[in-house]
């Protein structure tokens, strides 16, 4: 496992990722400051598009508040404590489901979906949101891909062989009681990895993160990168649809 995870570690020779190093980050930050007018215009546009509820819609023409664009817009605003950001944080607090998850959009059912990971990430710097984040983390720890159960493991090993993957390596689904997919698993790993500790009720975080990483490695396309789910279907290798 340790050897395989080396593929996820950045090295000084990885020029494509130098912006993630401290030096590269400062260089990028300086570039952003030089273009502060553009940044200000973008933030102003986000504020103009914010709905009265405090969230954002997936489409400019829509009045339906959606959690994915709301979380992404909140992250884009950073930690400026602006009125728009505070309204967005309040919205995320209000729409959290009783089970700790977040819905796909305002008014959706209360089972929760994959955007719970995005909400946990978007609220990471908000002290008052710590209880809400912990409830969200608790939901993420309980949410598993359906292939993790013995019946579905048997199914994929004996009957349903149209796709090639190891059902022992599972992550997170888009919605509960479905199989694991690449995008929700990637975001769940990011959300759980931002927790400062894995003590008490969070002790299962390292195990779930490791399982999620194993699942992503197992589902990678033979040519590199990832598709939405499996890398091989009906015996044919699928092309990558996501950034490596």
Protein backbone atom coordinates (compact mmCIF):
# COMPACT_ATOMS: atom_id res chain seq x y z
CA UNK A 1 0.00 0.00 0.00
CA UNK A 2 2.83 2.40 0.90
CA UNK A 3 4.46 1.84 -2.48
CA UNK A 4 1.27 2.51 -4.42
CA UNK A 5 0.56 5.69 -2.49
CA UNK A 6 3.87 7.16 -3.65
CA UNK A 7 2.03 8.01 -6.86
CA UNK A 8 0.00 10.57 -4.91
CA UNK A 9 2.99 12.33 -3.35
CA UNK A 10 4.41 15.45 -4.94
CA UNK A 11 8.12 15.75 -5.66
CA UNK A 12 10.26 18.76 -6.52
CA UNK A 13 10.68 17.28 -9.98
CA UNK A 14 6.95 17.37 -10.65
CA UNK A 15 6.97 20.66 -12.57
CA UNK A 16 3.28 20.34 -13.35
CA UNK A 17 2.49 20.65 -9.66
CA UNK A 18 5.03 23.25 -8.56
CA UNK A 19 2.24 25.71 -7.85
CA UNK A 20 1.31 23.45 -4.92
CA UNK A 21 4.71 23.99 -3.26
CA UNK A 22 5.24 26.90 -0.86
CA UNK A 23 7.36 28.83 -3.36
CA UNK A 24 4.94 28.17 -6.17
CA UNK A 25 2.01 29.20 -4.01
CA UNK A 26 3.62 32.55 -3.19
CA UNK A 27 4.30 33.12 -6.88
CA UNK A 28 0.70 32.36 -7.74
CA UNK A 29 -0.52 34.54 -4.88
CA UNK A 30 1.58 37.43 -6.17
CA UNK A 31 0.08 36.96 -9.62
CA UNK A 32 -3.42 37.06 -8.15
CA UNK A 33 -2.61 40.27 -6.27
CA UNK A 34 -1.38 41.82 -9.51
CA UNK A 35 -4.77 41.05 -11.00
CA UNK A 36 -6.80 42.15 -7.99
CA UNK A 37 -9.18 44.06 -10.24
CA UNK A 38 -10.15 40.88 -12.08
CA UNK A 39 -10.53 39.03 -8.78
CA UNK A 40 -12.69 41.83 -7.36
CA UNK A 41 -14.91 41.72 -10.44
CA UNK A 42 -15.34 37.96 -10.11
CA UNK A 43 -16.28 38.24 -6.44
CA UNK A 44 -18.67 41.06 -7.22
CA UNK A 45 -20.33 38.94 -9.90
CA UNK A 46 -20.71 36.08 -7.42
CA UNK A 47 -22.35 38.47 -4.97
CA UNK A 48 -24.75 39.69 -7.67
CA UNK A 49 -25.76 36.14 -8.53
CA UNK A 50 -26.36 35.13 -4.93
CA UNK A 51 -29.99 34.26 -4.30
CA UNK A 52 -32.05 35.76 -1.43
CA UNK A 53 -31.73 32.42 0.40
CA UNK A 54 -27.97 32.94 0.65
CA UNK A 55 -27.04 30.22 -1.84
CA UNK A 56 -26.49 30.00 -5.58
CA UNK A 57 -28.31 28.29 -8.44
CA UNK A 58 -26.72 25.85 -10.86
CA UNK A 59 -27.95 27.97 -13.79
CA UNK A 60 -28.09 31.74 -14.07
CA UNK A 61 -31.71 31.54 -15.20
CA UNK A 62 -32.76 29.37 -12.23
CA UNK A 63 -34.12 30.43 -8.85
CA UNK A 64 -33.55 26.96 -7.32
CA UNK A 65 -30.75 27.02 -4.76
CA UNK A 66 -28.28 24.19 -5.38
CA UNK A 67 -25.68 22.98 -2.90
CA UNK A 68 -22.84 22.26 -5.33
CA UNK A 69 -22.52 25.81 -6.75
CA UNK A 70 -23.19 27.24 -3.30
CA UNK A 71 -20.28 25.34 -1.76
CA UNK A 72 -17.97 26.18 -4.67
CA UNK A 73 -18.90 29.88 -4.53
CA UNK A 74 -18.33 29.92 -0.76
CA UNK A 75 -14.88 28.42 -1.28
CA UNK A 76 -14.12 30.96 -4.02
CA UNK A 77 -14.88 33.82 -1.66
CA UNK A 78 -12.23 32.65 0.77
CA UNK A 79 -12.33 34.00 4.32
CA UNK A 80 -13.14 37.66 3.75
CA UNK A 81 -16.09 37.64 6.16
CA UNK A 82 -18.11 39.52 3.56
CA UNK A 83 -21.86 39.80 3.80
CA UNK A 84 -22.25 37.41 0.87
CA UNK A 85 -20.02 34.80 2.49
CA UNK A 86 -21.75 35.08 5.88
CA UNK A 87 -25.14 34.65 4.17
CA UNK A 88 -23.81 31.58 2.35
CA UNK A 89 -22.51 30.06 5.58
CA UNK A 90 -25.86 30.72 7.26
CA UNK A 91 -27.63 29.03 4.35
CA UNK A 92 -25.42 25.93 4.67
CA UNK A 93 -26.21 25.78 8.38
CA UNK A 94 -29.95 26.04 7.76
CA UNK A 95 -30.27 23.37 5.08
CA UNK A 96 -28.24 20.64 6.81
CA UNK A 97 -30.31 17.49 7.22
CA UNK A 98 -31.08 16.06 10.69
CA UNK A 99 -28.82 13.05 9.94
CA UNK A 100 -25.82 15.35 9.40
CA UNK A 101 -25.82 15.24 5.60
CA UNK A 102 -26.61 17.96 3.09
CA UNK A 103 -29.20 17.75 0.26
CA UNK A 104 -28.47 18.26 -3.43
CA UNK A 105 -30.70 21.36 -3.44
CA UNK A 106 -32.90 23.26 -1.06
CA UNK A 107 -36.09 21.26 -0.46
CA UNK A 108 -34.61 17.91 -1.50
CA UNK A 109 -35.23 14.78 0.60
CA UNK A 110 -33.36 14.35 3.87
CA UNK A 111 -31.33 11.24 3.01
CA UNK A 112 -28.35 13.31 1.92
CA UNK A 113 -26.04 13.14 -1.10
CA UNK A 114 -22.40 13.48 -2.09
CA UNK A 115 -22.34 17.29 -1.68
CA UNK A 116 -22.04 16.66 2.06
CA UNK A 117 -18.29 16.44 1.42
CA UNK A 118 -18.30 19.82 -0.33
CA UNK A 119 -20.25 21.43 2.53
CA UNK A 120 -17.80 20.06 5.10
CA UNK A 121 -14.94 21.54 3.06
CA UNK A 122 -16.68 24.89 2.50
CA UNK A 123 -17.23 25.35 6.26
CA UNK A 124 -13.72 24.29 7.29
CA UNK A 125 -12.66 27.75 8.55
CA UNK A 126 -15.92 28.59 10.34
CA UNK A 127 -15.58 28.02 14.09
CA UNK A 128 -19.33 28.14 14.71
CA UNK A 129 -19.79 25.39 12.08
CA UNK A 130 -17.64 22.81 13.91
CA UNK A 131 -20.66 20.89 15.30
CA UNK A 132 -22.30 20.87 11.85
CA UNK A 133 -19.07 19.68 10.22
CA UNK A 134 -18.69 16.88 12.76
CA UNK A 135 -22.24 15.72 12.04
CA UNK A 136 -21.42 15.80 8.35
CA UNK A 137 -18.25 13.78 8.93
CA UNK A 138 -20.27 11.25 10.91
CA UNK A 139 -22.61 10.83 7.95
CA UNK A 140 -19.68 10.41 5.56
CA UNK A 141 -18.18 7.69 7.74
CA UNK A 142 -21.45 5.76 7.65
CA UNK A 143 -22.01 6.23 3.92
CA UNK A 144 -20.36 3.45 1.89
CA UNK A 145 -20.58 2.14 -1.64
CA UNK A 146 -23.06 -0.70 -1.97
CA UNK A 147 -20.35 -3.05 -3.25
CA UNK A 148 -18.98 -3.11 0.32
CA UNK A 149 -21.75 -5.53 1.40
CA UNK A 150 -21.23 -9.29 1.09
CA UNK A 151 -24.17 -9.78 -1.30
CA UNK A 152 -22.94 -7.19 -3.78
CA UNK A 153 -19.37 -8.45 -3.50
CA UNK A 154 -20.65 -11.92 -4.45
CA UNK A 155 -22.70 -10.38 -7.29
CA UNK A 156 -19.74 -8.59 -8.87
CA UNK A 157 -17.47 -11.60 -8.46
CA UNK A 158 -19.80 -14.24 -9.87
CA UNK A 159 -22.75 -12.87 -11.85
CA UNK A 160 -22.09 -9.31 -12.96
CA UNK A 161 -18.67 -9.36 -14.65
CA UNK A 162 -19.37 -6.65 -17.21
CA UNK A 163 -17.18 -4.25 -15.29
CA UNK A 164 -13.73 -4.95 -13.91
CA UNK A 165 -12.98 -3.82 -10.38
CA UNK A 166 -12.26 -5.18 -6.92
CA UNK A 167 -15.42 -4.88 -4.76
CA UNK A 168 -13.27 -5.07 -1.62
CA UNK A 169 -12.06 -1.59 -2.51
CA UNK A 170 -14.95 0.78 -2.04
CA UNK A 171 -15.49 4.49 -1.56
CA UNK A 172 -18.51 6.78 -1.61
CA UNK A 173 -21.62 6.90 -3.84
CA UNK A 174 -23.44 9.88 -5.33
CA UNK A 175 -26.49 8.98 -3.23
CA UNK A 176 -26.88 6.42 -0.40
CA UNK A 177 -27.41 2.73 -1.21
CA UNK A 178 -25.67 2.88 -4.59
CA UNK A 179 -22.16 1.84 -5.66
CA UNK A 180 -19.01 3.95 -5.35
CA UNK A 181 -18.04 6.53 -7.96
CA UNK A 182 -14.84 8.47 -8.57
CA UNK A 183 -15.96 12.08 -7.97
CA UNK A 184 -17.85 11.60 -4.66
CA UNK A 185 -15.02 9.39 -3.39
CA UNK A 186 -12.39 12.01 -4.25
CA UNK A 187 -14.29 14.79 -2.49
CA UNK A 188 -14.97 12.62 0.58
CA UNK A 189 -11.25 11.85 0.87
CA UNK A 190 -10.47 15.58 0.72
CA UNK A 191 -13.12 16.41 3.32
CA UNK A 192 -12.01 13.76 5.80
CA UNK A 193 -8.32 14.51 5.29
CA UNK A 194 -8.84 18.10 6.45
CA UNK A 195 -9.84 17.03 9.94
CA UNK A 196 -7.09 17.90 12.47
CA UNK A 197 -7.35 14.57 14.30
CA UNK A 198 -8.89 11.10 14.10
CA UNK A 199 -9.63 10.58 17.77
CA UNK A 200 -12.78 9.44 19.54
CA UNK A 201 -15.69 8.95 17.16
CA UNK A 202 -13.39 9.94 14.28
CA UNK A 203 -11.04 7.00 14.67
CA UNK A 204 -12.34 5.34 11.49
CA UNK A 205 -11.26 8.26 9.30
CA UNK A 206 -7.81 6.84 8.36
CA UNK A 207 -9.37 3.49 7.45
CA UNK A 208 -12.04 5.05 5.23
CA UNK A 209 -9.51 7.37 3.57
CA UNK A 210 -7.20 4.42 2.84
CA UNK A 211 -10.09 2.39 1.41
CA UNK A 212 -11.10 5.36 -0.74
CA UNK A 213 -7.59 5.80 -2.12
CA UNK A 214 -7.36 2.06 -2.83
CA UNK A 215 -10.68 2.29 -4.67
CA UNK A 216 -9.45 5.20 -6.82
CA UNK A 217 -6.27 3.32 -7.71
CA UNK A 218 -8.30 0.21 -8.57
CA UNK A 219 -10.74 2.14 -10.80
CA UNK A 220 -8.08 4.09 -12.72
CA UNK A 221 -8.18 3.82 -16.51
CA UNK A 222 -5.46 1.57 -18.01
CA UNK A 223 -4.16 4.57 -19.97
CA UNK A 224 -4.04 6.81 -16.89
CA UNK A 225 -6.51 9.13 -15.25
CA UNK A 226 -10.10 8.31 -14.38
CA UNK A 227 -13.49 7.91 -15.94
CA UNK A 228 -16.67 8.46 -13.92
CA UNK A 229 -16.63 4.97 -12.46
CA UNK A 230 -14.69 1.98 -13.76
CA UNK A 231 -11.67 1.92 -16.03
CA UNK A 232 -12.75 -1.19 -17.92
CA UNK A 233 -16.31 -2.08 -19.02
CA UNK A 234 -17.35 -5.06 -21.18
CA UNK A 235 -13.67 -5.84 -21.58
CA UNK A 236 -12.90 -2.47 -23.15
CA UNK A 237 -10.61 0.09 -21.56
CA UNK A 238 -12.35 3.44 -21.11
CA UNK A 239 -10.62 6.77 -21.81
CA UNK A 240 -9.87 9.20 -19.03
CA UNK A 241 -12.47 11.93 -18.52
CA UNK A 242 -10.87 13.66 -15.56
CA UNK A 243 -7.57 15.39 -14.86
CA UNK A 244 -4.89 12.89 -13.78
